[in-house]
């Protein structure tokens, strides 16, 4: 695996699924790269994959696990592109992004027409990452990040999420610049963060009352 360097975004990841469907990535240790495990859709949809039991840690500049849509044909066209119906289960994502900025797990739409939706982040340990433990971002018009689920994770000691406007350590951050979006955040255990859950603009969140906020959390729900 490549070591830390000056690679641009989405280069130097330990494992990269691009246009991959119905596959299993299980029980790997991914460390010492630019980023950990990356799912993108330049070559077509990346869908219905299971990412389970992996240990992604101490990757230098990016997220431990990234589900990022880059293909502008994705919205409304799942046969062509999009990051959807993937499951991230039982991962340890620790201490990623110290030299650049990375969440423990991130679900992101970049340019107009991109879509990272209906993904499931369940039962993971997300700690010590340089940005939020789990993050959902939509950056532009004509995007889809709805239906993503963050369920039953243990989250502590992560960093801020400046894109979302969460400028203090944050357990979970969700934010959409333009498009109204609906996500679910259910049954997570969060400690040692300024914001437990940061709900940014244009986001409707199901399940907020079900989360458990422990010691060291200043604002259970912000801003």
C-alpha atoms as a PDB file:
ATOM      1  CA  UNK A   1       0.000   0.000   0.000  1.00  0.00           C
ATOM      2  CA  UNK A   2       1.343   3.467  -0.790  1.00  0.00           C
ATOM      3  CA  UNK A   3       2.705   5.526   2.038  1.00  0.00           C
ATOM      4  CA  UNK A   4       1.755   9.105   2.918  1.00  0.00           C
ATOM      5  CA  UNK A   5       2.761  11.653   0.315  1.00  0.00           C
ATOM      6  CA  UNK A   6       1.418  14.548  -1.661  1.00  0.00           C
ATOM      7  CA  UNK A   7      -1.244  12.653  -3.618  1.00  0.00           C
ATOM      8  CA  UNK A   8      -4.358  14.599  -4.654  1.00  0.00           C
ATOM      9  CA  UNK A   9      -7.748  13.700  -3.171  1.00  0.00           C
ATOM     10  CA  UNK A  10      -8.788  10.074  -3.703  1.00  0.00           C
ATOM     11  CA  UNK A  11      -5.282   8.923  -4.637  1.00  0.00           C
ATOM     12  CA  UNK A  12      -3.264   6.763  -2.315  1.00  0.00           C
ATOM     13  CA  UNK A  13      -6.236   5.067  -0.653  1.00  0.00           C
ATOM     14  CA  UNK A  14      -5.596   1.616   0.764  1.00  0.00           C
ATOM     15  CA  UNK A  15      -8.599  -0.063  -0.924  1.00  0.00           C
ATOM     16  CA  UNK A  16     -10.644   1.550  -3.722  1.00  0.00           C
ATOM     17  CA  UNK A  17     -13.957   0.223  -5.094  1.00  0.00           C
ATOM     18  CA  UNK A  18     -14.929   2.054  -8.303  1.00  0.00           C
ATOM     19  CA  UNK A  19     -17.923   0.749 -10.238  1.00  0.00           C
ATOM     20  CA  UNK A  20     -18.125  -2.323  -7.986  1.00  0.00           C
ATOM     21  CA  UNK A  21     -21.402  -4.024  -7.011  1.00  0.00           C
ATOM     22  CA  UNK A  22     -22.501  -6.920  -4.804  1.00  0.00           C
ATOM     23  CA  UNK A  23     -19.051  -7.504  -3.322  1.00  0.00           C
ATOM     24  CA  UNK A  24     -17.569  -8.153   0.117  1.00  0.00           C
ATOM     25  CA  UNK A  25     -14.604  -6.375   1.726  1.00  0.00           C
ATOM     26  CA  UNK A  26     -13.959  -8.161   5.019  1.00  0.00           C
ATOM     27  CA  UNK A  27     -11.428  -8.308   7.852  1.00  0.00           C
ATOM     28  CA  UNK A  28      -8.634  -6.183   6.396  1.00  0.00           C
ATOM     29  CA  UNK A  29      -6.254  -3.892   8.255  1.00  0.00           C
ATOM     30  CA  UNK A  30      -5.782  -0.696   6.243  1.00  0.00           C
ATOM     31  CA  UNK A  31      -3.168   1.717   7.589  1.00  0.00           C
ATOM     32  CA  UNK A  32      -0.385   4.088   6.543  1.00  0.00           C
ATOM     33  CA  UNK A  33      -2.072   5.310   3.352  1.00  0.00           C
ATOM     34  CA  UNK A  34      -3.483   8.668   2.260  1.00  0.00           C
ATOM     35  CA  UNK A  35      -6.946   7.323   3.144  1.00  0.00           C
ATOM     36  CA  UNK A  36      -8.428   3.997   4.157  1.00  0.00           C
ATOM     37  CA  UNK A  37     -11.280   2.381   2.174  1.00  0.00           C
ATOM     38  CA  UNK A  38     -12.816   4.420  -0.665  1.00  0.00           C
ATOM     39  CA  UNK A  39     -16.003   3.811  -2.691  1.00  0.00           C
ATOM     40  CA  UNK A  40     -16.530   5.961  -5.817  1.00  0.00           C
ATOM     41  CA  UNK A  41     -18.580   5.765  -9.014  1.00  0.00           C
ATOM     42  CA  UNK A  42     -16.564   7.182 -11.916  1.00  0.00           C
ATOM     43  CA  UNK A  43     -16.729   3.805 -13.691  1.00  0.00           C
ATOM     44  CA  UNK A  44     -20.382   3.143 -12.814  1.00  0.00           C
ATOM     45  CA  UNK A  45     -22.513   2.499  -9.752  1.00  0.00           C
ATOM     46  CA  UNK A  46     -20.892   1.229  -6.573  1.00  0.00           C
ATOM     47  CA  UNK A  47     -23.817  -0.463  -4.874  1.00  0.00           C
ATOM     48  CA  UNK A  48     -24.923  -3.246  -2.528  1.00  0.00           C
ATOM     49  CA  UNK A  49     -21.407  -3.892  -1.225  1.00  0.00           C
ATOM     50  CA  UNK A  50     -20.709  -5.022   2.330  1.00  0.00           C
ATOM     51  CA  UNK A  51     -17.689  -3.555   4.107  1.00  0.00           C
ATOM     52  CA  UNK A  52     -17.408  -5.572   7.323  1.00  0.00           C
ATOM     53  CA  UNK A  53     -14.934  -6.215  10.130  1.00  0.00           C
ATOM     54  CA  UNK A  54     -12.146  -4.039   8.758  1.00  0.00           C
ATOM     55  CA  UNK A  55      -9.681  -1.978  10.810  1.00  0.00           C
ATOM     56  CA  UNK A  56      -8.859   1.333   9.124  1.00  0.00           C
ATOM     57  CA  UNK A  57      -6.466   3.443  11.160  1.00  0.00           C
ATOM     58  CA  UNK A  58      -3.733   6.056  11.005  1.00  0.00           C
ATOM     59  CA  UNK A  59      -4.243   6.907   7.344  1.00  0.00           C
ATOM     60  CA  UNK A  60      -2.627  10.262   6.795  1.00  0.00           C
ATOM     61  CA  UNK A  61      -4.966  12.694   5.045  1.00  0.00           C
ATOM     62  CA  UNK A  62      -8.442  11.311   4.318  1.00  0.00           C
ATOM     63  CA  UNK A  63     -11.290   9.376   5.925  1.00  0.00           C
ATOM     64  CA  UNK A  64     -11.115   5.895   7.319  1.00  0.00           C
ATOM     65  CA  UNK A  65     -14.079   4.886   5.120  1.00  0.00           C
ATOM     66  CA  UNK A  66     -15.313   7.189   2.312  1.00  0.00           C
ATOM     67  CA  UNK A  67     -18.468   6.712   0.210  1.00  0.00           C
ATOM     68  CA  UNK A  68     -18.093   9.558  -2.293  1.00  0.00           C
ATOM     69  CA  UNK A  69     -20.069  10.061  -5.495  1.00  0.00           C
ATOM     70  CA  UNK A  70     -18.179  11.849  -8.277  1.00  0.00           C
ATOM     71  CA  UNK A  71     -20.222  10.863 -11.343  1.00  0.00           C
ATOM     72  CA  UNK A  72     -22.677  13.600 -12.340  1.00  0.00           C
ATOM     73  CA  UNK A  73     -25.012  11.086 -14.009  1.00  0.00           C
ATOM     74  CA  UNK A  74     -25.966   9.561 -10.648  1.00  0.00           C
ATOM     75  CA  UNK A  75     -29.132  11.431  -9.641  1.00  0.00           C
ATOM     76  CA  UNK A  76     -32.167   9.502 -10.858  1.00  0.00           C
ATOM     77  CA  UNK A  77     -30.040   7.053 -12.832  1.00  0.00           C
ATOM     78  CA  UNK A  78     -28.855   4.196 -10.574  1.00  0.00           C
ATOM     79  CA  UNK A  79     -27.899   2.004 -13.541  1.00  0.00           C
ATOM     80  CA  UNK A  80     -25.293   4.582 -14.572  1.00  0.00           C
ATOM     81  CA  UNK A  81     -23.754   5.809 -11.338  1.00  0.00           C
ATOM     82  CA  UNK A  82     -24.146   6.497  -7.634  1.00  0.00           C
ATOM     83  CA  UNK A  83     -23.032   5.149  -4.272  1.00  0.00           C
ATOM     84  CA  UNK A  84     -26.053   3.390  -2.785  1.00  0.00           C
ATOM     85  CA  UNK A  85     -27.260   0.472  -0.651  1.00  0.00           C
ATOM     86  CA  UNK A  86     -23.771  -0.215   0.706  1.00  0.00           C
ATOM     87  CA  UNK A  87     -23.309  -1.431   4.291  1.00  0.00           C
ATOM     88  CA  UNK A  88     -20.399  -0.509   6.556  1.00  0.00           C
ATOM     89  CA  UNK A  89     -20.596  -2.847   9.547  1.00  0.00           C
ATOM     90  CA  UNK A  90     -18.357  -3.603  12.521  1.00  0.00           C
ATOM     91  CA  UNK A  91     -15.493  -1.386  11.391  1.00  0.00           C
ATOM     92  CA  UNK A  92     -12.896   0.213  13.621  1.00  0.00           C
ATOM     93  CA  UNK A  93     -12.002   3.569  12.056  1.00  0.00           C
ATOM     94  CA  UNK A  94      -9.442   5.262  14.280  1.00  0.00           C
ATOM     95  CA  UNK A  95      -7.027   8.200  14.067  1.00  0.00           C
ATOM     96  CA  UNK A  96      -7.420   8.963  10.372  1.00  0.00           C
ATOM     97  CA  UNK A  97      -6.747  12.266   8.601  1.00  0.00           C
ATOM     98  CA  UNK A  98      -4.285  13.842  11.004  1.00  0.00           C
ATOM     99  CA  UNK A  99      -2.281  15.409   8.169  1.00  0.00           C
ATOM    100  CA  UNK A 100      -5.216  16.667   6.135  1.00  0.00           C
ATOM    101  CA  UNK A 101      -8.695  16.031   7.456  1.00  0.00           C
ATOM    102  CA  UNK A 102     -10.868  12.954   7.419  1.00  0.00           C
ATOM    103  CA  UNK A 103     -13.984  11.561   9.066  1.00  0.00           C
ATOM    104  CA  UNK A 104     -14.231   8.085  10.511  1.00  0.00           C
ATOM    105  CA  UNK A 105     -16.917   7.307   7.903  1.00  0.00           C
ATOM    106  CA  UNK A 106     -18.109   9.848   5.325  1.00  0.00           C
ATOM    107  CA  UNK A 107     -20.972   9.775   2.801  1.00  0.00           C
ATOM    108  CA  UNK A 108     -20.462  12.610   0.333  1.00  0.00           C
ATOM    109  CA  UNK A 109     -21.902  14.121  -2.856  1.00  0.00           C
ATOM    110  CA  UNK A 110     -19.576  16.555  -4.615  1.00  0.00           C
ATOM    111  CA  UNK A 111     -20.677  18.141  -7.921  1.00  0.00           C
ATOM    112  CA  UNK A 112     -24.268  18.603  -9.161  1.00  0.00           C
ATOM    113  CA  UNK A 113     -25.786  15.284 -10.216  1.00  0.00           C
ATOM    114  CA  UNK A 114     -23.858  13.145  -7.742  1.00  0.00           C
ATOM    115  CA  UNK A 115     -25.512  10.834  -5.216  1.00  0.00           C
ATOM    116  CA  UNK A 116     -24.467   8.856  -2.131  1.00  0.00           C
ATOM    117  CA  UNK A 117     -27.706   7.538  -0.641  1.00  0.00           C
ATOM    118  CA  UNK A 118     -29.399   4.681   1.251  1.00  0.00           C
ATOM    119  CA  UNK A 119     -26.089   3.544   2.730  1.00  0.00           C
ATOM    120  CA  UNK A 120     -25.971   1.899   6.158  1.00  0.00           C
ATOM    121  CA  UNK A 121     -23.275   2.603   8.759  1.00  0.00           C
ATOM    122  CA  UNK A 122     -23.952   0.146  11.569  1.00  0.00           C
ATOM    123  CA  UNK A 123     -22.150  -0.966  14.709  1.00  0.00           C
ATOM    124  CA  UNK A 124     -18.787   0.662  14.070  1.00  0.00           C
ATOM    125  CA  UNK A 125     -16.213   2.217  16.410  1.00  0.00           C
ATOM    126  CA  UNK A 126     -15.233   5.696  15.207  1.00  0.00           C
ATOM    127  CA  UNK A 127     -12.656   7.453  17.346  1.00  0.00           C
ATOM    128  CA  UNK A 128      -9.771   9.903  17.181  1.00  0.00           C
ATOM    129  CA  UNK A 129     -10.346  10.965  13.558  1.00  0.00           C
ATOM    130  CA  UNK A 130      -9.416  14.511  12.584  1.00  0.00           C
ATOM    131  CA  UNK A 131     -12.972  15.354  11.452  1.00  0.00           C
ATOM    132  CA  UNK A 132     -16.355  14.074  12.659  1.00  0.00           C
ATOM    133  CA  UNK A 133     -16.762  10.423  13.561  1.00  0.00           C
ATOM    134  CA  UNK A 134     -19.491  10.024  10.915  1.00  0.00           C
ATOM    135  CA  UNK A 135     -20.437  12.647   8.326  1.00  0.00           C
ATOM    136  CA  UNK A 136     -22.966  13.178   5.531  1.00  0.00           C
ATOM    137  CA  UNK A 137     -22.384  16.083   3.128  1.00  0.00           C
ATOM    138  CA  UNK A 138     -24.189  17.386   0.042  1.00  0.00           C
ATOM    139  CA  UNK A 139     -22.319  20.306  -1.506  1.00  0.00           C
ATOM    140  CA  UNK A 140     -24.365  21.477  -4.503  1.00  0.00           C
ATOM    141  CA  UNK A 141     -27.781  21.517  -6.211  1.00  0.00           C
ATOM    142  CA  UNK A 142     -29.249  18.374  -7.802  1.00  0.00           C
ATOM    143  CA  UNK A 143     -27.719  15.870  -5.390  1.00  0.00           C
ATOM    144  CA  UNK A 144     -29.013  12.978  -3.309  1.00  0.00           C
ATOM    145  CA  UNK A 145     -27.771  11.971   0.144  1.00  0.00           C
ATOM    146  CA  UNK A 146     -31.165  10.950   1.549  1.00  0.00           C
ATOM    147  CA  UNK A 147     -31.857   7.583   3.126  1.00  0.00           C
ATOM    148  CA  UNK A 148     -28.410   7.209   4.654  1.00  0.00           C
ATOM    149  CA  UNK A 149     -28.429   5.565   8.089  1.00  0.00           C
ATOM    150  CA  UNK A 150     -25.982   5.872  11.002  1.00  0.00           C
ATOM    151  CA  UNK A 151     -27.043   3.240  13.554  1.00  0.00           C
ATOM    152  CA  UNK A 152     -25.598   1.774  16.734  1.00  0.00           C
ATOM    153  CA  UNK A 153     -22.078   3.141  16.464  1.00  0.00           C
ATOM    154  CA  UNK A 154     -19.677   3.966  19.312  1.00  0.00           C
ATOM    155  CA  UNK A 155     -18.168   7.396  18.674  1.00  0.00           C
ATOM    156  CA  UNK A 156     -15.668   9.437  20.703  1.00  0.00           C
ATOM    157  CA  UNK A 157     -12.850  11.938  20.550  1.00  0.00           C
ATOM    158  CA  UNK A 158     -13.129  13.045  16.930  1.00  0.00           C
ATOM    159  CA  UNK A 159     -12.468  16.459  15.387  1.00  0.00           C
ATOM    160  CA  UNK A 160     -14.580  19.276  13.885  1.00  0.00           C
ATOM    161  CA  UNK A 161     -16.379  19.314  10.545  1.00  0.00           C
ATOM    162  CA  UNK A 162     -15.703  22.750   9.022  1.00  0.00           C
ATOM    163  CA  UNK A 163     -17.653  22.062   5.793  1.00  0.00           C
ATOM    164  CA  UNK A 164     -20.821  21.525   7.829  1.00  0.00           C
ATOM    165  CA  UNK A 165     -20.157  24.520  10.067  1.00  0.00           C
ATOM    166  CA  UNK A 166     -19.286  22.342  13.064  1.00  0.00           C
ATOM    167  CA  UNK A 167     -16.121  24.056  14.219  1.00  0.00           C
ATOM    168  CA  UNK A 168     -15.746  22.046  17.421  1.00  0.00           C
ATOM    169  CA  UNK A 169     -15.118  18.305  17.945  1.00  0.00           C
ATOM    170  CA  UNK A 170     -18.152  16.445  16.604  1.00  0.00           C
ATOM    171  CA  UNK A 171     -19.479  12.910  16.865  1.00  0.00           C
ATOM    172  CA  UNK A 172     -21.870  12.947  13.883  1.00  0.00           C
ATOM    173  CA  UNK A 173     -22.391  15.782  11.387  1.00  0.00           C
ATOM    174  CA  UNK A 174     -24.980  16.016   8.619  1.00  0.00           C
ATOM    175  CA  UNK A 175     -25.300  18.929   6.232  1.00  0.00           C
ATOM    176  CA  UNK A 176     -26.667  19.835   2.803  1.00  0.00           C
ATOM    177  CA  UNK A 177     -25.764  23.125   1.159  1.00  0.00           C
ATOM    178  CA  UNK A 178     -28.847  23.269  -1.106  1.00  0.00           C
ATOM    179  CA  UNK A 179     -30.989  20.124  -1.383  1.00  0.00           C
ATOM    180  CA  UNK A 180     -33.393  19.177   1.455  1.00  0.00           C
ATOM    181  CA  UNK A 181     -32.376  15.720   2.652  1.00  0.00           C
ATOM    182  CA  UNK A 182     -33.627  13.154   5.170  1.00  0.00           C
ATOM    183  CA  UNK A 183     -31.348  10.742   7.048  1.00  0.00           C
ATOM    184  CA  UNK A 184     -31.585   8.476  10.103  1.00  0.00           C
ATOM    185  CA  UNK A 185     -29.319   8.628  13.178  1.00  0.00           C
ATOM    186  CA  UNK A 186     -30.380   5.917  15.619  1.00  0.00           C
ATOM    187  CA  UNK A 187     -29.004   4.336  18.782  1.00  0.00           C
ATOM    188  CA  UNK A 188     -25.451   5.681  18.671  1.00  0.00           C
ATOM    189  CA  UNK A 189     -23.287   6.068  21.786  1.00  0.00           C
ATOM    190  CA  UNK A 190     -21.325   9.312  21.732  1.00  0.00           C
ATOM    191  CA  UNK A 191     -18.791  10.687  24.228  1.00  0.00           C
ATOM    192  CA  UNK A 192     -15.946  13.202  24.474  1.00  0.00           C
ATOM    193  CA  UNK A 193     -17.169  15.543  21.721  1.00  0.00           C
ATOM    194  CA  UNK A 194     -18.304  19.181  21.859  1.00  0.00           C
ATOM    195  CA  UNK A 195     -21.241  18.380  19.567  1.00  0.00           C
ATOM    196  CA  UNK A 196     -22.763  14.950  19.921  1.00  0.00           C
ATOM    197  CA  UNK A 197     -24.804  15.314  16.719  1.00  0.00           C
ATOM    198  CA  UNK A 198     -24.512  18.416  14.555  1.00  0.00           C
ATOM    199  CA  UNK A 199     -27.547  18.950  12.306  1.00  0.00           C
ATOM    200  CA  UNK A 200     -26.648  21.431   9.579  1.00  0.00           C
ATOM    201  CA  UNK A 201     -28.769  23.196   6.990  1.00  0.00           C
ATOM    202  CA  UNK A 202     -31.415  21.439   4.878  1.00  0.00           C
ATOM    203  CA  UNK A 203     -31.345  18.245   6.949  1.00  0.00           C
ATOM    204  CA  UNK A 204     -34.233  16.336   8.498  1.00  0.00           C
ATOM    205  CA  UNK A 205     -33.006  13.671  10.914  1.00  0.00           C
ATOM    206  CA  UNK A 206     -35.029  10.685  12.099  1.00  0.00           C
ATOM    207  CA  UNK A 207     -34.199   9.014  15.411  1.00  0.00           C
ATOM    208  CA  UNK A 208     -32.401  11.799  17.283  1.00  0.00           C
ATOM    209  CA  UNK A 209     -34.063  10.930  20.592  1.00  0.00           C
ATOM    210  CA  UNK A 210     -32.723   7.356  20.478  1.00  0.00           C
ATOM    211  CA  UNK A 211     -29.042   8.274  20.744  1.00  0.00           C
ATOM    212  CA  UNK A 212     -27.064   8.078  23.982  1.00  0.00           C
ATOM    213  CA  UNK A 213     -24.742  10.962  24.810  1.00  0.00           C
ATOM    214  CA  UNK A 214     -22.176  10.240  27.506  1.00  0.00           C
ATOM    215  CA  UNK A 215     -19.438  12.131  29.343  1.00  0.00           C
ATOM    216  CA  UNK A 216     -17.603  15.017  27.764  1.00  0.00           C
ATOM    217  CA  UNK A 217     -20.337  16.137  25.350  1.00  0.00           C
ATOM    218  CA  UNK A 218     -21.147  19.857  25.643  1.00  0.00           C
ATOM    219  CA  UNK A 219     -24.072  20.017  23.219  1.00  0.00           C
ATOM    220  CA  UNK A 220     -25.863  16.710  22.599  1.00  0.00           C
ATOM    221  CA  UNK A 221     -27.549  18.185  19.501  1.00  0.00           C
ATOM    222  CA  UNK A 222     -26.280  21.314  17.782  1.00  0.00           C
ATOM    223  CA  UNK A 223     -25.997  23.963  16.712  1.00  0.00           C
END
